[in-house]
C-alpha cells in the first residue's frame, strides 16, 4: 500500500517540528477549568463506541477518550506526533494508531460509530470544509456520533491573527522553541457557519460554547 500523502504539507511540517512541545498549549492557566470540564465531557460522549479520531496529534485527547470508548482508531499524517502518541499510558488493545491524511481519510477502517476531531477543523480552509465533512461522514456508520473540538478567539489568550486571505481564511504566525516561525492557517468559524457545514449530513446537531473552546456534537443521518 502506498504511503499516505498529506494534503496540507506546510501544516504537517510545522507540527512535525513542534511535536515535542505541542502539549504546552494545554498549560495556559486561564484555560484549566474549561480543559478539566472537557476531559470529563468528551469521553462520556463516546462511552461504548468505536471512535475514529482524526488528526490525533500526540494523543492528548486519545488517552481520555480511550477510558470510556470501546475502541479508538486514531490517525495522523505525521510520524513524529504518532511516535509520541504511542507512548501515552493507554491500556493495551484500546487504541490503534495509524497514518492517514485528515482530509481524505483514505486508509480509515470501517465499522466506526463515532468520530472525534480536536483542533483540526480550524486548520481546514473554508473551501475545504464541505469535502472534509463529506469524507468523514462516508467513513462512519449511519447514526454515528461526531464530536468536533476547537478554539474560540479570545484576544487576551489567543495568538493574534496575522492576515486574512481573499476567501476569508485567517492565519497566525507561530514561533517554536527553536526560533523558527511558521504561518499557520487558523480559522474561527461562527455558530452559523458550523451548523451550515453539517446540515447536509446531520440528523441533529448542537453547539456547546465555552470561553476558549467550542464543542460541536452531531448525529449522522
N, C-alpha and C. Protein backbone atom coordinates (compact mmCIF):
# COMPACT_ATOMS: atom_id res chain seq x y z
N UNK A 1 0.84 -1.19 0.00
CA UNK A 1 0.00 0.00 0.00
C UNK A 1 0.88 1.24 0.00
N UNK A 2 0.52 2.24 -0.80
CA UNK A 2 1.29 3.47 -0.86
C UNK A 2 1.22 4.22 0.46
N UNK A 3 2.30 4.94 0.77
CA UNK A 3 2.34 5.77 1.97
C UNK A 3 1.34 6.92 1.82
N UNK A 4 0.50 7.17 2.85
CA UNK A 4 -0.44 8.29 2.78
C UNK A 4 0.30 9.61 2.55
N UNK A 5 -0.28 10.46 1.73
CA UNK A 5 0.31 11.75 1.41
C UNK A 5 -0.52 12.87 2.04
N UNK A 6 0.17 13.86 2.57
CA UNK A 6 -0.52 14.98 3.21
C UNK A 6 -1.10 15.92 2.17
N UNK A 7 -2.32 16.39 2.43
CA UNK A 7 -2.91 17.43 1.58
C UNK A 7 -2.59 18.81 2.14
N UNK A 8 -1.91 18.85 3.29
CA UNK A 8 -1.51 20.12 3.91
C UNK A 8 -0.04 20.03 4.33
N UNK A 9 0.89 19.97 3.37
CA UNK A 9 2.30 19.71 3.69
C UNK A 9 2.95 20.76 4.59
N UNK A 10 2.58 22.04 4.43
CA UNK A 10 3.19 23.07 5.28
C UNK A 10 2.77 22.89 6.73
N UNK A 11 1.49 22.56 6.93
CA UNK A 11 0.99 22.32 8.28
C UNK A 11 1.65 21.08 8.87
N UNK A 12 1.83 20.05 8.05
CA UNK A 12 2.49 18.83 8.53
C UNK A 12 3.91 19.14 9.00
N UNK A 13 4.62 19.96 8.24
CA UNK A 13 5.99 20.31 8.62
C UNK A 13 6.02 21.05 9.95
N UNK A 14 5.08 21.98 10.12
CA UNK A 14 5.00 22.75 11.37
C UNK A 14 4.78 21.83 12.56
N UNK A 15 3.83 20.91 12.46
CA UNK A 15 3.54 20.03 13.59
C UNK A 15 4.64 19.00 13.81
N UNK A 16 5.34 18.63 12.76
CA UNK A 16 6.49 17.73 12.93
C UNK A 16 7.56 18.41 13.77
N UNK A 17 7.84 19.67 13.45
CA UNK A 17 8.85 20.43 14.18
C UNK A 17 8.42 20.71 15.62
N UNK A 18 7.11 20.86 15.83
CA UNK A 18 6.58 21.27 17.11
C UNK A 18 6.16 20.09 17.99
N UNK A 19 6.31 18.87 17.50
CA UNK A 19 5.74 17.70 18.16
C UNK A 19 6.08 17.61 19.65
N UNK A 20 7.36 17.76 19.98
CA UNK A 20 7.80 17.56 21.37
C UNK A 20 7.27 18.62 22.31
N UNK A 21 6.91 19.79 21.79
CA UNK A 21 6.45 20.89 22.65
C UNK A 21 4.96 21.16 22.50
N UNK A 22 4.26 20.36 21.68
CA UNK A 22 2.87 20.66 21.35
C UNK A 22 1.96 20.77 22.57
N UNK A 23 2.10 19.86 23.52
CA UNK A 23 1.15 19.82 24.63
C UNK A 23 1.31 20.97 25.62
N UNK A 24 2.26 21.84 25.38
CA UNK A 24 2.36 23.05 26.21
C UNK A 24 1.12 23.94 26.06
N UNK A 25 0.39 23.79 24.96
CA UNK A 25 -0.81 24.60 24.77
C UNK A 25 -1.87 24.30 25.82
N UNK A 26 -1.77 23.15 26.47
CA UNK A 26 -2.74 22.77 27.50
C UNK A 26 -2.32 23.24 28.89
N UNK A 27 -1.30 24.09 28.96
CA UNK A 27 -0.81 24.56 30.24
C UNK A 27 -1.19 26.01 30.55
N UNK A 28 -1.93 26.65 29.66
CA UNK A 28 -2.32 28.03 29.91
C UNK A 28 -3.22 28.09 31.14
N UNK A 29 -2.83 28.89 32.12
CA UNK A 29 -3.50 28.92 33.41
C UNK A 29 -4.98 29.27 33.31
N UNK A 30 -5.30 30.22 32.43
CA UNK A 30 -6.68 30.71 32.35
C UNK A 30 -7.63 29.68 31.72
N UNK A 31 -7.09 28.63 31.14
CA UNK A 31 -7.93 27.65 30.45
C UNK A 31 -8.15 26.35 31.23
N UNK A 32 -7.58 26.25 32.41
CA UNK A 32 -7.58 24.97 33.12
C UNK A 32 -8.97 24.49 33.52
N UNK A 33 -9.84 25.37 33.94
CA UNK A 33 -11.19 24.94 34.34
C UNK A 33 -11.94 24.35 33.15
N UNK A 34 -11.84 25.00 32.00
CA UNK A 34 -12.54 24.50 30.82
C UNK A 34 -11.93 23.20 30.33
N UNK A 35 -10.62 23.08 30.38
CA UNK A 35 -9.97 21.84 29.95
C UNK A 35 -10.35 20.67 30.87
N UNK A 36 -10.45 20.94 32.15
CA UNK A 36 -10.88 19.89 33.08
C UNK A 36 -12.29 19.43 32.74
N UNK A 37 -13.17 20.36 32.43
CA UNK A 37 -14.54 20.02 32.05
C UNK A 37 -14.56 19.20 30.77
N UNK A 38 -13.75 19.60 29.79
CA UNK A 38 -13.70 18.89 28.51
C UNK A 38 -13.14 17.48 28.67
N UNK A 39 -12.18 17.31 29.55
CA UNK A 39 -11.61 15.98 29.78
C UNK A 39 -12.62 15.03 30.39
N UNK A 40 -13.65 15.56 31.03
CA UNK A 40 -14.74 14.73 31.52
C UNK A 40 -15.84 14.58 30.48
N UNK A 41 -16.19 15.66 29.85
CA UNK A 41 -17.32 15.71 28.92
C UNK A 41 -17.08 14.85 27.67
N UNK A 42 -15.95 14.99 27.05
CA UNK A 42 -15.70 14.33 25.77
C UNK A 42 -15.70 12.80 25.90
N UNK A 43 -15.00 12.20 26.85
CA UNK A 43 -15.07 10.73 26.97
C UNK A 43 -16.48 10.21 27.19
N UNK A 44 -17.30 10.94 27.95
CA UNK A 44 -18.68 10.49 28.19
C UNK A 44 -19.47 10.40 26.89
N UNK A 45 -19.20 11.29 25.97
CA UNK A 45 -19.90 11.29 24.68
C UNK A 45 -19.60 10.04 23.86
N UNK A 46 -18.49 9.36 24.17
CA UNK A 46 -18.06 8.20 23.39
C UNK A 46 -18.17 6.88 24.14
N UNK A 47 -18.85 6.88 25.25
CA UNK A 47 -18.94 5.66 26.06
C UNK A 47 -19.48 4.49 25.24
N UNK A 48 -18.71 3.41 25.18
CA UNK A 48 -19.13 2.19 24.49
C UNK A 48 -19.05 2.22 22.98
N UNK A 49 -18.49 3.27 22.41
CA UNK A 49 -18.46 3.41 20.95
C UNK A 49 -17.07 3.13 20.37
N UNK A 50 -17.06 2.81 19.08
CA UNK A 50 -15.81 2.66 18.33
C UNK A 50 -15.55 3.98 17.62
N UNK A 51 -14.48 4.64 18.01
CA UNK A 51 -14.25 6.04 17.64
C UNK A 51 -13.13 6.17 16.62
N UNK A 52 -13.41 6.87 15.53
CA UNK A 52 -12.38 7.27 14.58
C UNK A 52 -11.90 8.65 15.00
N UNK A 53 -10.65 8.76 15.42
CA UNK A 53 -10.11 10.06 15.81
C UNK A 53 -9.26 10.62 14.68
N UNK A 54 -9.63 11.80 14.23
CA UNK A 54 -8.99 12.46 13.09
C UNK A 54 -7.91 13.42 13.59
N UNK A 55 -6.72 13.36 12.97
CA UNK A 55 -5.61 14.25 13.34
C UNK A 55 -5.37 14.19 14.85
N UNK A 56 -5.05 13.01 15.34
CA UNK A 56 -4.93 12.78 16.78
C UNK A 56 -3.71 13.44 17.39
N UNK A 57 -2.75 13.85 16.56
CA UNK A 57 -1.55 14.51 17.08
C UNK A 57 -0.81 13.63 18.06
N UNK A 58 -0.44 14.21 19.20
CA UNK A 58 0.35 13.49 20.19
C UNK A 58 -0.48 12.58 21.08
N UNK A 59 -1.76 12.44 20.78
CA UNK A 59 -2.61 11.53 21.53
C UNK A 59 -3.14 12.09 22.84
N UNK A 60 -3.08 13.41 22.99
CA UNK A 60 -3.54 14.02 24.24
C UNK A 60 -4.99 13.66 24.52
N UNK A 61 -5.87 13.84 23.53
CA UNK A 61 -7.29 13.53 23.74
C UNK A 61 -7.57 12.04 23.61
N UNK A 62 -6.76 11.35 22.85
CA UNK A 62 -6.92 9.90 22.70
C UNK A 62 -6.91 9.20 24.04
N UNK A 63 -5.99 9.59 24.90
CA UNK A 63 -5.83 8.91 26.19
C UNK A 63 -7.08 9.06 27.07
N UNK A 64 -7.79 10.16 26.93
CA UNK A 64 -9.00 10.35 27.72
C UNK A 64 -10.20 9.65 27.08
N UNK A 65 -10.32 9.74 25.76
CA UNK A 65 -11.41 9.07 25.05
C UNK A 65 -11.36 7.57 25.29
N UNK A 66 -10.16 7.01 25.32
CA UNK A 66 -9.99 5.56 25.47
C UNK A 66 -10.52 5.04 26.80
N UNK A 67 -10.68 5.91 27.77
CA UNK A 67 -11.17 5.47 29.09
C UNK A 67 -12.63 4.99 29.03
N UNK A 68 -13.40 5.57 28.11
CA UNK A 68 -14.82 5.24 28.04
C UNK A 68 -15.19 4.51 26.74
N UNK A 69 -14.45 4.74 25.69
CA UNK A 69 -14.78 4.15 24.38
C UNK A 69 -14.53 2.65 24.37
N UNK A 70 -15.24 1.98 23.49
CA UNK A 70 -14.99 0.56 23.26
C UNK A 70 -13.64 0.39 22.58
N UNK A 71 -13.37 1.25 21.59
CA UNK A 71 -12.13 1.19 20.82
C UNK A 71 -11.90 2.56 20.19
N UNK A 72 -10.64 2.95 20.06
CA UNK A 72 -10.29 4.19 19.37
C UNK A 72 -9.33 3.86 18.23
N UNK A 73 -9.68 4.31 17.04
CA UNK A 73 -8.82 4.19 15.86
C UNK A 73 -8.35 5.59 15.54
N UNK A 74 -7.12 5.90 15.91
CA UNK A 74 -6.62 7.28 15.88
C UNK A 74 -5.58 7.46 14.79
N UNK A 75 -5.79 8.47 13.96
CA UNK A 75 -4.89 8.67 12.82
C UNK A 75 -4.26 10.06 12.81
N UNK A 76 -3.11 10.14 12.18
CA UNK A 76 -2.45 11.40 11.89
C UNK A 76 -1.53 11.15 10.70
N UNK A 77 -1.20 12.21 9.97
CA UNK A 77 -0.31 12.08 8.82
C UNK A 77 1.15 12.15 9.23
N UNK A 78 1.39 12.57 10.49
CA UNK A 78 2.73 12.93 10.92
C UNK A 78 3.34 11.86 11.81
N UNK A 79 4.43 11.25 11.35
CA UNK A 79 5.08 10.20 12.12
C UNK A 79 5.61 10.70 13.46
N UNK A 80 6.08 11.94 13.50
CA UNK A 80 6.68 12.48 14.72
C UNK A 80 5.67 12.54 15.86
N UNK A 81 4.44 12.96 15.58
CA UNK A 81 3.44 13.03 16.65
C UNK A 81 2.89 11.64 16.99
N UNK A 82 2.80 10.76 16.00
CA UNK A 82 2.32 9.40 16.27
C UNK A 82 3.27 8.65 17.20
N UNK A 83 4.57 8.91 17.07
CA UNK A 83 5.54 8.28 17.97
C UNK A 83 5.27 8.67 19.41
N UNK A 84 4.95 9.94 19.64
CA UNK A 84 4.64 10.41 20.98
C UNK A 84 3.31 9.82 21.45
N UNK A 85 2.33 9.79 20.57
CA UNK A 85 1.01 9.26 20.91
C UNK A 85 1.09 7.82 21.38
N UNK A 86 1.92 7.04 20.73
CA UNK A 86 2.03 5.61 21.07
C UNK A 86 2.64 5.38 22.45
N UNK A 87 3.24 6.39 23.03
CA UNK A 87 3.84 6.27 24.36
C UNK A 87 2.88 6.68 25.47
N UNK A 88 1.67 7.11 25.11
CA UNK A 88 0.70 7.51 26.13
C UNK A 88 0.27 6.30 26.98
N UNK A 89 -0.03 6.52 28.26
CA UNK A 89 -0.42 5.42 29.15
C UNK A 89 -1.84 4.95 28.90
N UNK A 90 -2.02 4.22 27.82
CA UNK A 90 -3.34 3.73 27.39
C UNK A 90 -3.36 2.21 27.53
N UNK A 91 -4.42 1.63 28.11
CA UNK A 91 -4.48 0.17 28.25
C UNK A 91 -4.30 -0.54 26.91
N UNK A 92 -3.61 -1.63 26.93
CA UNK A 92 -3.34 -2.41 25.71
C UNK A 92 -4.65 -2.83 25.05
N UNK A 93 -4.69 -2.68 23.74
CA UNK A 93 -5.84 -3.11 22.97
C UNK A 93 -6.94 -2.09 22.81
N UNK A 94 -6.84 -0.95 23.52
CA UNK A 94 -7.91 0.05 23.44
C UNK A 94 -7.76 1.00 22.26
N UNK A 95 -6.53 1.18 21.76
CA UNK A 95 -6.28 2.17 20.70
C UNK A 95 -5.38 1.58 19.62
N UNK A 96 -5.77 1.80 18.38
CA UNK A 96 -4.89 1.51 17.24
C UNK A 96 -4.54 2.84 16.58
N UNK A 97 -3.26 3.15 16.50
CA UNK A 97 -2.81 4.35 15.80
C UNK A 97 -2.41 3.97 14.38
N UNK A 98 -2.76 4.82 13.43
CA UNK A 98 -2.38 4.57 12.05
C UNK A 98 -2.18 5.88 11.32
N UNK A 99 -1.46 5.81 10.21
CA UNK A 99 -1.13 7.00 9.44
C UNK A 99 -2.17 7.24 8.36
N UNK A 100 -2.72 8.45 8.32
CA UNK A 100 -3.72 8.81 7.31
C UNK A 100 -3.82 10.31 7.21
N UNK A 101 -4.13 10.79 6.04
CA UNK A 101 -4.39 12.21 5.84
C UNK A 101 -5.75 12.55 6.42
N UNK A 102 -5.83 13.65 7.15
CA UNK A 102 -7.07 14.01 7.86
C UNK A 102 -8.18 14.48 6.94
N UNK A 103 -7.85 14.90 5.74
CA UNK A 103 -8.87 15.36 4.80
C UNK A 103 -9.48 14.20 4.04
N UNK A 104 -8.65 13.35 3.47
CA UNK A 104 -9.15 12.26 2.64
C UNK A 104 -9.52 11.02 3.45
N UNK A 105 -8.80 10.76 4.56
CA UNK A 105 -9.05 9.59 5.42
C UNK A 105 -9.10 8.29 4.61
N UNK A 106 -8.24 8.20 3.60
CA UNK A 106 -8.30 7.08 2.66
C UNK A 106 -8.08 5.72 3.32
N UNK A 107 -7.28 5.66 4.36
CA UNK A 107 -6.98 4.36 4.96
C UNK A 107 -7.76 4.11 6.25
N UNK A 108 -8.79 4.91 6.50
CA UNK A 108 -9.60 4.72 7.71
C UNK A 108 -10.37 3.41 7.62
N UNK A 109 -10.35 2.60 8.68
CA UNK A 109 -11.05 1.31 8.67
C UNK A 109 -12.56 1.50 8.82
N UNK A 110 -13.34 0.53 8.39
CA UNK A 110 -14.80 0.61 8.53
C UNK A 110 -15.24 0.24 9.95
N UNK A 111 -16.54 0.44 10.21
CA UNK A 111 -17.12 -0.04 11.45
C UNK A 111 -17.15 0.94 12.60
N UNK A 112 -16.78 2.20 12.37
CA UNK A 112 -16.79 3.18 13.45
C UNK A 112 -18.17 3.82 13.58
N UNK A 113 -18.67 3.90 14.82
CA UNK A 113 -19.96 4.53 15.05
C UNK A 113 -19.81 5.87 15.79
N UNK A 114 -18.61 6.42 15.74
CA UNK A 114 -18.35 7.73 16.33
C UNK A 114 -17.06 8.30 15.74
N UNK A 115 -16.90 9.61 15.86
CA UNK A 115 -15.67 10.25 15.40
C UNK A 115 -15.37 11.48 16.24
N UNK A 116 -14.08 11.77 16.37
CA UNK A 116 -13.62 12.95 17.10
C UNK A 116 -12.54 13.64 16.30
N UNK A 117 -12.63 14.97 16.24
CA UNK A 117 -11.57 15.78 15.63
C UNK A 117 -11.30 16.96 16.56
N UNK A 118 -10.14 16.96 17.17
CA UNK A 118 -9.76 18.04 18.08
C UNK A 118 -8.78 18.98 17.45
N UNK A 119 -9.18 20.23 17.30
CA UNK A 119 -8.32 21.31 16.79
C UNK A 119 -7.82 21.04 15.37
N UNK A 120 -8.66 20.39 14.59
CA UNK A 120 -8.36 20.17 13.17
C UNK A 120 -9.23 21.05 12.28
N UNK A 121 -10.50 21.21 12.64
CA UNK A 121 -11.44 21.98 11.83
C UNK A 121 -10.85 23.35 11.49
N UNK A 122 -10.24 24.00 12.44
CA UNK A 122 -9.70 25.35 12.25
C UNK A 122 -8.54 25.39 11.26
N UNK A 123 -7.96 24.23 10.96
CA UNK A 123 -6.85 24.16 10.01
C UNK A 123 -7.30 23.80 8.60
N UNK A 124 -8.60 23.72 8.38
CA UNK A 124 -9.15 23.42 7.06
C UNK A 124 -9.67 24.72 6.44
N UNK A 125 -9.28 24.98 5.20
CA UNK A 125 -9.77 26.19 4.54
C UNK A 125 -11.28 26.14 4.39
N UNK A 126 -11.88 27.31 4.37
CA UNK A 126 -13.33 27.39 4.24
C UNK A 126 -13.82 26.61 3.01
N UNK A 127 -13.06 26.67 1.93
CA UNK A 127 -13.44 25.97 0.71
C UNK A 127 -13.29 24.46 0.82
N UNK A 128 -12.59 23.99 1.87
CA UNK A 128 -12.36 22.56 2.02
C UNK A 128 -13.22 21.89 3.08
N UNK A 129 -13.99 22.68 3.82
CA UNK A 129 -14.80 22.12 4.90
C UNK A 129 -15.84 21.14 4.39
N UNK A 130 -16.50 21.46 3.30
CA UNK A 130 -17.52 20.57 2.75
C UNK A 130 -16.91 19.22 2.40
N UNK A 131 -15.74 19.23 1.80
CA UNK A 131 -15.07 17.98 1.45
C UNK A 131 -14.69 17.19 2.69
N UNK A 132 -14.19 17.87 3.70
CA UNK A 132 -13.81 17.18 4.93
C UNK A 132 -15.02 16.54 5.59
N UNK A 133 -16.11 17.28 5.71
CA UNK A 133 -17.32 16.75 6.35
C UNK A 133 -17.84 15.53 5.58
N UNK A 134 -17.85 15.63 4.25
CA UNK A 134 -18.33 14.53 3.43
C UNK A 134 -17.43 13.30 3.56
N UNK A 135 -16.11 13.54 3.56
CA UNK A 135 -15.15 12.44 3.67
C UNK A 135 -15.29 11.74 5.01
N UNK A 136 -15.37 12.52 6.09
CA UNK A 136 -15.51 11.93 7.42
C UNK A 136 -16.81 11.15 7.53
N UNK A 137 -17.89 11.73 7.07
CA UNK A 137 -19.20 11.07 7.17
C UNK A 137 -19.22 9.75 6.42
N UNK A 138 -18.52 9.71 5.29
CA UNK A 138 -18.52 8.49 4.46
C UNK A 138 -17.77 7.34 5.13
N UNK A 139 -16.95 7.64 6.13
CA UNK A 139 -16.18 6.61 6.82
C UNK A 139 -16.90 6.05 8.05
N UNK A 140 -18.08 6.61 8.37
CA UNK A 140 -18.77 6.24 9.59
C UNK A 140 -20.07 5.51 9.33
N UNK A 141 -20.55 4.82 10.34
CA UNK A 141 -21.82 4.12 10.26
C UNK A 141 -22.98 5.13 10.33
N UNK A 142 -24.13 4.83 9.71
CA UNK A 142 -25.30 5.69 9.87
C UNK A 142 -25.64 5.85 11.35
N UNK A 143 -26.02 7.07 11.74
CA UNK A 143 -26.35 7.32 13.14
C UNK A 143 -25.14 7.53 14.03
N UNK A 144 -23.95 7.60 13.44
CA UNK A 144 -22.74 7.80 14.23
C UNK A 144 -22.75 9.16 14.92
N UNK A 145 -22.12 9.23 16.08
CA UNK A 145 -21.98 10.50 16.80
C UNK A 145 -20.63 11.11 16.45
N UNK A 146 -20.64 12.39 16.10
CA UNK A 146 -19.43 13.11 15.74
C UNK A 146 -19.24 14.28 16.71
N UNK A 147 -18.02 14.40 17.21
CA UNK A 147 -17.69 15.48 18.15
C UNK A 147 -16.49 16.25 17.60
N UNK A 148 -16.66 17.55 17.46
CA UNK A 148 -15.60 18.42 16.96
C UNK A 148 -15.24 19.42 18.06
N UNK A 149 -13.98 19.50 18.41
CA UNK A 149 -13.49 20.44 19.43
C UNK A 149 -12.51 21.41 18.80
N UNK A 150 -12.68 22.69 19.11
CA UNK A 150 -11.73 23.67 18.58
C UNK A 150 -11.77 24.95 19.39
N UNK A 151 -10.97 25.92 18.97
CA UNK A 151 -10.79 27.16 19.71
C UNK A 151 -11.75 28.28 19.32
N UNK A 152 -12.13 29.05 20.30
CA UNK A 152 -12.71 30.37 20.08
C UNK A 152 -11.58 31.39 20.17
N UNK A 153 -11.71 32.48 19.45
CA UNK A 153 -10.67 33.51 19.52
C UNK A 153 -10.94 34.42 20.71
N UNK A 154 -9.94 34.50 21.59
CA UNK A 154 -10.01 35.38 22.76
C UNK A 154 -8.74 36.23 22.74
N UNK A 155 -8.90 37.52 22.53
CA UNK A 155 -7.76 38.39 22.33
C UNK A 155 -6.70 38.33 23.41
N UNK A 156 -7.12 38.14 24.65
CA UNK A 156 -6.18 38.13 25.76
C UNK A 156 -5.42 36.81 25.90
N UNK A 157 -5.84 35.79 25.14
CA UNK A 157 -5.25 34.46 25.31
C UNK A 157 -4.79 33.84 23.99
N UNK A 158 -5.41 34.22 22.89
CA UNK A 158 -5.11 33.61 21.60
C UNK A 158 -3.95 34.31 20.89
N UNK A 159 -3.26 33.56 20.02
CA UNK A 159 -2.24 34.15 19.16
C UNK A 159 -2.91 35.12 18.19
N UNK A 160 -2.39 36.33 18.02
CA UNK A 160 -3.04 37.30 17.13
C UNK A 160 -3.18 36.79 15.70
N UNK A 161 -4.20 37.28 15.01
CA UNK A 161 -4.37 36.99 13.59
C UNK A 161 -3.38 37.84 12.81
N UNK A 162 -2.60 37.18 11.94
CA UNK A 162 -1.59 37.92 11.18
C UNK A 162 -2.10 38.43 9.85
N UNK A 163 -3.04 37.68 9.25
CA UNK A 163 -3.63 38.14 7.98
C UNK A 163 -4.89 37.35 7.67
N UNK A 164 -5.64 37.86 6.71
CA UNK A 164 -6.85 37.21 6.21
C UNK A 164 -6.75 37.18 4.69
N UNK A 165 -7.04 36.00 4.07
CA UNK A 165 -6.92 35.92 2.61
C UNK A 165 -8.25 36.28 1.94
N UNK A 166 -8.27 36.21 0.63
CA UNK A 166 -9.44 36.65 -0.14
C UNK A 166 -10.67 35.81 0.15
N UNK A 167 -10.46 34.56 0.54
CA UNK A 167 -11.58 33.67 0.84
C UNK A 167 -12.13 33.88 2.24
N UNK A 168 -11.38 34.61 3.07
CA UNK A 168 -11.79 34.84 4.45
C UNK A 168 -11.09 33.96 5.46
N UNK A 169 -10.15 33.12 5.00
CA UNK A 169 -9.37 32.31 5.92
C UNK A 169 -8.41 33.20 6.71
N UNK A 170 -8.22 32.89 7.99
CA UNK A 170 -7.32 33.67 8.82
C UNK A 170 -6.07 32.86 9.17
N UNK A 171 -4.99 33.59 9.45
CA UNK A 171 -3.69 32.96 9.68
C UNK A 171 -3.04 33.55 10.93
N UNK A 172 -2.17 32.73 11.55
CA UNK A 172 -1.38 33.17 12.69
C UNK A 172 0.09 32.89 12.41
N UNK A 173 0.97 33.72 12.96
CA UNK A 173 2.40 33.44 12.90
C UNK A 173 2.80 32.83 14.23
N UNK A 174 3.36 31.63 14.15
CA UNK A 174 3.71 30.90 15.36
C UNK A 174 5.20 30.58 15.37
N UNK A 175 5.82 30.83 16.51
CA UNK A 175 7.24 30.57 16.68
C UNK A 175 7.42 29.39 17.62
N UNK A 176 8.26 28.42 17.23
CA UNK A 176 8.54 27.27 18.07
C UNK A 176 9.83 27.52 18.85
N UNK A 177 10.16 26.61 19.78
CA UNK A 177 11.28 26.85 20.70
C UNK A 177 12.62 27.01 19.98
N UNK A 178 12.75 26.42 18.81
CA UNK A 178 13.99 26.55 18.04
C UNK A 178 14.18 27.95 17.47
N UNK A 179 13.12 28.75 17.51
CA UNK A 179 13.15 30.09 16.94
C UNK A 179 12.56 30.17 15.55
N UNK A 180 12.28 29.02 14.92
CA UNK A 180 11.66 29.02 13.60
C UNK A 180 10.22 29.54 13.69
N UNK A 181 9.83 30.30 12.67
CA UNK A 181 8.48 30.86 12.65
C UNK A 181 7.72 30.31 11.45
N UNK A 182 6.45 29.97 11.69
CA UNK A 182 5.60 29.42 10.64
C UNK A 182 4.29 30.21 10.59
N UNK A 183 3.78 30.40 9.37
CA UNK A 183 2.44 30.96 9.22
C UNK A 183 1.47 29.79 9.13
N UNK A 184 0.49 29.77 10.03
CA UNK A 184 -0.42 28.63 10.16
C UNK A 184 -1.86 29.08 9.93
N UNK A 185 -2.56 28.36 9.06
CA UNK A 185 -3.99 28.60 8.87
C UNK A 185 -4.72 28.29 10.16
N UNK A 186 -5.53 29.23 10.64
CA UNK A 186 -6.30 29.03 11.87
C UNK A 186 -7.60 29.82 11.76
N UNK A 187 -8.68 29.11 11.42
CA UNK A 187 -9.98 29.75 11.28
C UNK A 187 -10.78 29.67 12.57
N UNK A 188 -11.66 30.64 12.75
CA UNK A 188 -12.52 30.70 13.92
C UNK A 188 -13.96 30.86 13.41
N UNK A 189 -14.61 29.74 13.08
CA UNK A 189 -15.94 29.80 12.46
C UNK A 189 -17.01 30.31 13.42
N UNK A 190 -18.05 30.89 12.85
CA UNK A 190 -19.20 31.32 13.64
C UNK A 190 -20.11 30.12 13.88
N UNK A 191 -21.04 30.29 14.81
CA UNK A 191 -22.00 29.23 15.09
C UNK A 191 -22.82 28.90 13.85
N UNK A 192 -23.21 29.91 13.10
CA UNK A 192 -24.00 29.69 11.88
C UNK A 192 -23.20 28.92 10.84
N UNK A 193 -21.91 29.23 10.71
CA UNK A 193 -21.06 28.52 9.75
C UNK A 193 -20.92 27.04 10.13
N UNK A 194 -20.80 26.77 11.40
CA UNK A 194 -20.67 25.39 11.85
C UNK A 194 -21.94 24.59 11.58
N UNK A 195 -23.07 25.18 11.92
CA UNK A 195 -24.34 24.47 11.70
C UNK A 195 -24.58 24.24 10.22
N UNK A 196 -24.27 25.23 9.40
CA UNK A 196 -24.47 25.09 7.96
C UNK A 196 -23.56 24.01 7.39
N UNK A 197 -22.36 23.89 7.92
CA UNK A 197 -21.39 22.94 7.39
C UNK A 197 -21.83 21.49 7.57
N UNK A 198 -22.61 21.21 8.61
CA UNK A 198 -23.01 19.82 8.87
C UNK A 198 -24.49 19.56 8.57
N UNK A 199 -25.19 20.59 8.13
CA UNK A 199 -26.64 20.46 7.91
C UNK A 199 -26.99 19.34 6.93
N UNK A 200 -26.15 19.12 5.93
CA UNK A 200 -26.45 18.12 4.91
C UNK A 200 -26.27 16.69 5.36
N UNK A 201 -25.49 16.48 6.44
CA UNK A 201 -25.19 15.11 6.87
C UNK A 201 -25.75 14.79 8.26
N UNK A 202 -26.15 15.83 9.00
CA UNK A 202 -26.54 15.64 10.39
C UNK A 202 -28.05 15.50 10.56
N UNK A 203 -28.44 14.54 11.38
CA UNK A 203 -29.84 14.40 11.76
C UNK A 203 -30.20 15.45 12.81
N UNK A 204 -29.26 15.72 13.67
CA UNK A 204 -29.40 16.78 14.67
C UNK A 204 -27.99 17.21 15.08
N UNK A 205 -27.88 18.46 15.56
CA UNK A 205 -26.59 18.98 15.97
C UNK A 205 -26.78 20.03 17.05
N UNK A 206 -25.83 20.10 17.97
CA UNK A 206 -25.87 21.19 18.94
C UNK A 206 -24.45 21.65 19.23
N UNK A 207 -24.35 22.93 19.53
CA UNK A 207 -23.06 23.58 19.76
C UNK A 207 -22.96 23.98 21.22
N UNK A 208 -21.86 23.59 21.85
CA UNK A 208 -21.59 23.96 23.23
C UNK A 208 -20.41 24.94 23.22
N UNK A 209 -20.68 26.19 23.56
CA UNK A 209 -19.65 27.23 23.52
C UNK A 209 -19.19 27.58 24.93
N UNK A 210 -17.89 27.53 25.15
CA UNK A 210 -17.29 27.94 26.40
C UNK A 210 -16.64 29.31 26.19
N UNK A 211 -15.67 29.67 26.98
CA UNK A 211 -14.96 30.93 26.77
C UNK A 211 -13.85 30.79 25.74
N UNK A 212 -13.11 29.68 25.85
CA UNK A 212 -11.94 29.48 24.99
C UNK A 212 -12.13 28.39 23.93
N UNK A 213 -13.18 27.59 24.07
CA UNK A 213 -13.36 26.44 23.19
C UNK A 213 -14.82 26.31 22.75
N UNK A 214 -15.02 25.65 21.62
CA UNK A 214 -16.37 25.25 21.21
C UNK A 214 -16.37 23.75 20.95
N UNK A 215 -17.53 23.17 21.18
CA UNK A 215 -17.72 21.73 21.02
C UNK A 215 -18.98 21.52 20.20
N UNK A 216 -18.82 20.98 18.99
CA UNK A 216 -19.95 20.69 18.12
C UNK A 216 -20.23 19.19 18.17
N UNK A 217 -21.44 18.84 18.54
CA UNK A 217 -21.83 17.43 18.65
C UNK A 217 -23.00 17.19 17.71
N UNK A 218 -22.84 16.24 16.78
CA UNK A 218 -23.95 15.95 15.87
C UNK A 218 -24.04 14.46 15.57
N UNK A 219 -25.24 14.07 15.16
CA UNK A 219 -25.52 12.67 14.83
C UNK A 219 -25.77 12.56 13.34
N UNK A 220 -25.11 11.64 12.70
CA UNK A 220 -25.29 11.46 11.26
C UNK A 220 -26.66 10.89 10.92
N UNK A 221 -27.14 11.22 9.76
CA UNK A 221 -28.42 10.69 9.27
C UNK A 221 -28.27 9.18 9.03
